[in-house]
Protein backbone atom coordinates (compact mmCIF):
# COMPACT_ATOMS: atom_id res chain seq x y z
CA UNK A 1 113.19 66.82 87.44
CA UNK A 2 111.97 66.75 83.30
CA UNK A 3 110.67 70.52 83.66
CA UNK A 4 113.54 71.80 85.61
CA UNK A 5 115.82 70.22 82.49
CA UNK A 6 113.83 71.77 80.27
CA UNK A 7 113.72 75.40 82.11
CA UNK A 8 117.69 74.80 82.04
CA UNK A 9 118.14 74.70 78.70
CA UNK A 10 115.26 76.53 77.12
CA UNK A 11 117.23 79.43 77.22
CA UNK A 12 120.21 77.92 75.41
CA UNK A 13 118.04 76.72 72.38
CA UNK A 14 115.14 77.69 70.69
CA UNK A 15 113.88 74.32 69.62
CA UNK A 16 114.33 71.26 71.57
CA UNK A 17 113.84 67.40 70.43
CA UNK A 18 114.38 64.30 72.69
CA UNK A 19 115.65 61.57 71.01
CA UNK A 20 115.05 58.09 73.03
CA UNK A 21 116.62 54.57 72.32
CA UNK A 22 114.51 51.92 73.42
CA UNK A 23 115.82 48.46 74.03
CA UNK A 24 113.07 45.40 74.02
CA UNK A 25 113.15 45.09 77.78
CA UNK A 26 114.62 41.19 78.26
CA UNK A 27 117.53 42.59 75.91
CA UNK A 28 118.20 45.69 78.37
CA UNK A 29 117.73 43.74 81.26
CA UNK A 30 120.38 41.68 80.74
CA UNK A 31 122.59 44.02 79.75
CA UNK A 32 122.30 45.99 82.62
CA UNK A 33 122.70 43.71 84.66
CA UNK A 34 126.27 42.27 82.60
CA UNK A 35 126.95 46.07 83.36
CA UNK A 36 126.50 46.14 86.84
CA UNK A 37 128.93 42.79 87.25
CA UNK A 38 131.44 44.26 85.25
CA UNK A 39 131.66 47.70 86.79
CA UNK A 40 131.46 46.21 89.86
CA UNK A 41 128.18 47.90 91.30
CA UNK A 42 125.99 44.50 91.52
CA UNK A 43 126.64 41.63 93.34
CA UNK A 44 122.98 39.78 92.52
CA UNK A 45 122.20 36.88 91.17
CA UNK A 46 120.77 37.40 87.99
CA UNK A 47 117.38 35.73 89.55
CA UNK A 48 117.55 38.26 92.13
CA UNK A 49 118.16 40.76 89.70
CA UNK A 50 115.60 39.90 87.67
CA UNK A 51 112.84 39.64 90.52
CA UNK A 52 113.33 43.05 91.09
CA UNK A 53 113.14 44.32 87.69
CA UNK A 54 109.68 42.21 87.92
CA UNK A 55 107.70 43.42 90.80
CA UNK A 56 110.82 45.42 92.54
CA UNK A 57 112.23 48.44 92.69
CA UNK A 58 114.05 48.31 88.77
CA UNK A 59 110.66 48.02 87.41
CA UNK A 60 110.07 51.22 86.60
CA UNK A 61 113.00 51.29 84.47
CA UNK A 62 110.82 48.92 81.83
CA UNK A 63 107.84 50.50 81.32
CA UNK A 64 108.41 52.84 78.57
CA UNK A 65 105.37 54.10 78.27
CA UNK A 66 105.65 56.03 81.76
CA UNK A 67 108.62 56.85 81.42
CA UNK A 68 107.94 58.90 78.03
CA UNK A 69 105.10 60.54 79.61
CA UNK A 70 107.24 62.09 81.77
CA UNK A 71 109.04 63.72 78.93
CA UNK A 72 106.21 64.41 77.20
CA UNK A 73 104.29 66.28 80.05
CA UNK A 74 107.44 68.63 79.88
CA UNK A 75 108.88 69.05 76.02
CA UNK A 76 105.51 68.12 74.08
CA UNK A 77 104.64 64.60 73.06
CA UNK A 78 105.69 66.23 69.51
CA UNK A 79 109.60 66.44 70.49
CA UNK A 80 110.33 63.09 71.53
CA UNK A 81 111.65 60.74 68.59
CA UNK A 82 111.49 57.17 69.49
CA UNK A 83 113.77 55.05 68.17
CA UNK A 84 113.90 51.29 68.87
CA UNK A 85 116.91 49.97 69.81
CA UNK A 86 117.37 47.28 67.63
CA UNK A 87 119.38 45.90 65.04
CA UNK A 88 116.13 45.51 62.59
CA UNK A 89 115.74 48.80 62.47
CA UNK A 90 118.69 50.92 63.44
CA UNK A 91 121.23 52.22 60.82
CA UNK A 92 122.88 49.20 59.27
CA UNK A 93 126.42 51.33 60.22
CA UNK A 94 125.28 51.58 63.81
CA UNK A 95 124.01 53.39 66.47
CA UNK A 96 126.06 56.57 66.15
CA UNK A 97 125.13 56.71 61.85
CA UNK A 98 121.13 56.00 63.55
CA UNK A 99 121.75 58.94 65.69
CA UNK A 100 123.61 61.48 63.34
CA UNK A 101 120.37 59.92 60.45
CA UNK A 102 117.56 61.19 62.79
CA UNK A 103 119.30 64.33 63.66
CA UNK A 104 119.52 64.71 60.12
CA UNK A 105 123.37 64.91 60.20
CA UNK A 106 125.22 64.12 57.10
CA UNK A 107 126.69 60.35 58.37
CA UNK A 108 129.17 60.36 55.22
CA UNK A 109 131.55 62.82 57.16
CA UNK A 110 131.25 60.24 60.23
CA UNK A 111 135.24 59.55 60.82
CA UNK A 112 134.52 56.18 61.07
CA UNK A 113 132.38 53.89 59.83
CA UNK A 114 133.42 51.00 61.14
CA UNK A 115 130.29 49.05 63.17
CA UNK A 116 130.15 49.30 66.64
CA UNK A 117 130.87 46.53 68.44
CA UNK A 118 129.85 45.77 71.98
CA UNK A 119 131.23 42.39 73.52
CA UNK A 120 129.23 41.63 76.82
CA UNK A 121 130.71 39.18 79.19
CA UNK A 122 130.45 35.62 78.66
CA UNK A 123 129.20 32.92 81.82
CA UNK A 124 132.56 31.90 82.36
CA UNK A 125 133.67 35.75 82.90
CA UNK A 126 130.83 36.31 84.60
CA UNK A 127 130.82 33.76 87.55
CA UNK A 128 134.92 34.93 87.71
CA UNK A 129 133.30 39.04 87.95
CA UNK A 130 130.74 37.45 90.57
CA UNK A 131 133.57 35.66 92.60
CA UNK A 132 135.87 38.48 92.68
CA UNK A 133 132.78 40.91 94.46
CA UNK A 134 132.47 38.96 97.78
CA UNK A 135 136.65 39.73 97.43
CA UNK A 136 136.40 43.33 96.96
CA UNK A 137 135.40 46.11 98.96
CA UNK A 138 131.53 47.14 98.74
CA UNK A 139 131.49 49.89 95.47
CA UNK A 140 128.74 52.22 96.04
CA UNK A 141 128.35 56.21 95.50
CA UNK A 142 130.16 57.99 93.16
CA UNK A 143 133.15 59.12 94.94
CA UNK A 144 136.71 58.87 93.61
CA UNK A 145 137.14 55.72 95.47
CA UNK A 146 134.00 54.07 93.46
CA UNK A 147 135.23 55.21 90.34
CA UNK A 148 138.86 54.28 90.27
CA UNK A 149 137.57 50.55 91.81
CA UNK A 150 134.56 50.34 89.19
CA UNK A 151 136.97 51.46 86.41
CA UNK A 152 139.50 48.73 87.57
CA UNK A 153 136.60 45.78 87.87
CA UNK A 154 136.25 46.51 84.10
CA UNK A 155 139.33 46.56 82.78
CA UNK A 156 139.83 42.93 84.99
CA UNK A 157 136.39 42.13 83.32
CA UNK A 158 138.03 43.17 79.75
CA UNK A 159 141.51 41.18 80.83
CA UNK A 160 139.52 37.91 81.53
CA UNK A 161 137.22 37.98 78.63
CA UNK A 162 140.76 38.29 76.31
CA UNK A 163 142.15 35.05 78.59
CA UNK A 164 139.48 32.47 79.13
CA UNK A 165 136.88 30.84 76.71
CA UNK A 166 133.92 31.49 76.88
CA UNK A 167 130.11 31.40 75.94
CA UNK A 168 127.57 33.75 75.49
CA UNK A 169 126.19 34.87 78.94
CA UNK A 170 121.55 34.85 78.63
CA UNK A 171 120.58 35.01 82.22
CA UNK A 172 117.13 33.67 81.35
CA UNK A 173 115.80 30.27 81.38
CA UNK A 174 113.29 28.28 79.74
CA UNK A 175 110.45 31.07 79.00
CA UNK A 176 111.46 33.86 81.67
CA UNK A 177 112.73 35.97 78.49
CA UNK A 178 109.68 36.26 76.89
CA UNK A 179 107.56 36.04 80.28
CA UNK A 180 109.20 39.32 81.35
CA UNK A 181 108.57 41.01 78.03
CA UNK A 182 105.13 40.54 78.33
CA UNK A 183 104.96 42.24 81.45
CA UNK A 184 104.95 44.88 79.47
CA UNK A 185 103.66 44.13 76.05
CA UNK A 186 100.33 46.58 76.57
CA UNK A 187 102.78 49.46 77.59
CA UNK A 188 105.24 48.76 74.23
CA UNK A 189 101.88 48.92 72.29
CA UNK A 190 100.96 52.54 73.43
CA UNK A 191 104.80 53.25 72.53
CA UNK A 192 104.44 52.24 69.37
CA UNK A 193 101.32 53.78 68.53
CA UNK A 194 101.44 57.09 70.06
CA UNK A 195 104.99 57.76 69.02
CA UNK A 196 105.70 55.65 66.30
CA UNK A 197 101.96 55.71 64.39
CA UNK A 198 102.27 52.10 64.29
CA UNK A 199 98.50 51.02 64.15
CA UNK A 200 99.35 47.55 64.92
CA UNK A 201 100.92 48.65 67.84
CA UNK A 202 104.37 46.48 67.02
CA UNK A 203 107.53 48.57 69.05
CA UNK A 204 109.92 45.39 68.40
CA UNK A 205 110.16 43.24 65.36
CA UNK A 206 112.44 40.26 66.52
CA UNK A 207 110.42 37.77 68.37
CA UNK A 208 113.44 35.41 69.00
CA UNK A 209 114.52 34.80 72.70
CA UNK A 210 117.94 34.28 74.03
CA UNK A 211 117.24 31.73 76.79
CA UNK A 212 119.37 28.75 78.10
CA UNK A 213 118.41 25.68 78.85
CA UNK A 214 117.92 24.64 82.71
CA UNK A 215 121.47 23.92 83.98
CA UNK A 216 124.06 23.64 87.12
CA UNK A 217 125.84 27.10 87.53
CA UNK A 218 128.92 27.69 86.64
CA UNK A 219 131.66 26.50 89.23
CA UNK A 220 134.87 28.18 88.65
CA UNK A 221 137.91 26.08 88.98
CA UNK A 222 140.49 26.50 91.45
CA UNK A 223 142.87 27.97 88.59
CA UNK A 224 140.04 30.30 87.35
CA UNK A 225 139.84 31.27 91.65
CA UNK A 226 143.33 31.70 91.99
CA UNK A 227 143.37 33.65 88.46
CA UNK A 228 141.04 36.39 89.84
CA UNK A 229 142.10 36.47 93.30
CA UNK A 230 145.46 37.49 92.13
CA UNK A 231 143.99 40.26 90.21
CA UNK A 232 141.88 41.20 92.66
CA UNK A 233 145.14 41.11 95.15
CA UNK A 234 146.50 43.87 93.08
CA UNK A 235 143.60 46.17 92.71
CA UNK A 236 143.71 46.24 96.70
CA UNK A 237 147.43 46.90 96.37
CA UNK A 238 147.42 49.63 94.13
CA UNK A 239 144.34 51.02 95.90
CA UNK A 240 146.46 50.55 99.38
CA UNK A 241 149.08 53.01 97.67
CA UNK A 242 146.57 55.80 96.22
CA UNK A 243 145.07 55.89 100.18
CA UNK A 244 148.78 56.82 101.33
């Protein structure tokens, strides 16, 4: 597919560079899981999701050296620009400004100077979304119904986040985030040396891991469950009207 992509766009551009943003693996997994639950695309527990990324069918997503090798094979390593997605290494004005600077665009002409803010669901909201998935139909595929349901789930997540007090969702238990990253340490060193010219092999600078102390899972109160049930009922009513 990489070679096919190159063939499709080579006729449109004289020179093609690929900008690749790489997030530290534990942060990427936490974000991907939160987004999957937020959009209704996964109903798995965090532990099951982590297991799939550790030794299951999602592991390839976190093997950055192998992924970049595919791009390099088709476009040439000299045309890959690797940017670690990490606050310490990004433009001070955020991702959009960093991308513009990387592409030699004038960041002074950006319409907004406001730093991007991406608020992830907290622990209570995540528990509410997990409960909602037990009440909603399966959301899979790319059809219009699945896309609409996914949008409604995201809207519900935002509404709950605005309504409920919450604590940050960490997902990883004691030592788990560090252990997960160690699975990809060698590959990260290859990326740092081959694409960033870092002889020390250090791709990410932060050594801080967000992990939670072992504690019971959040149990929603009856009030919270009723709140979720009312929102799901409204979604299902709207869906019935759409389907006619």
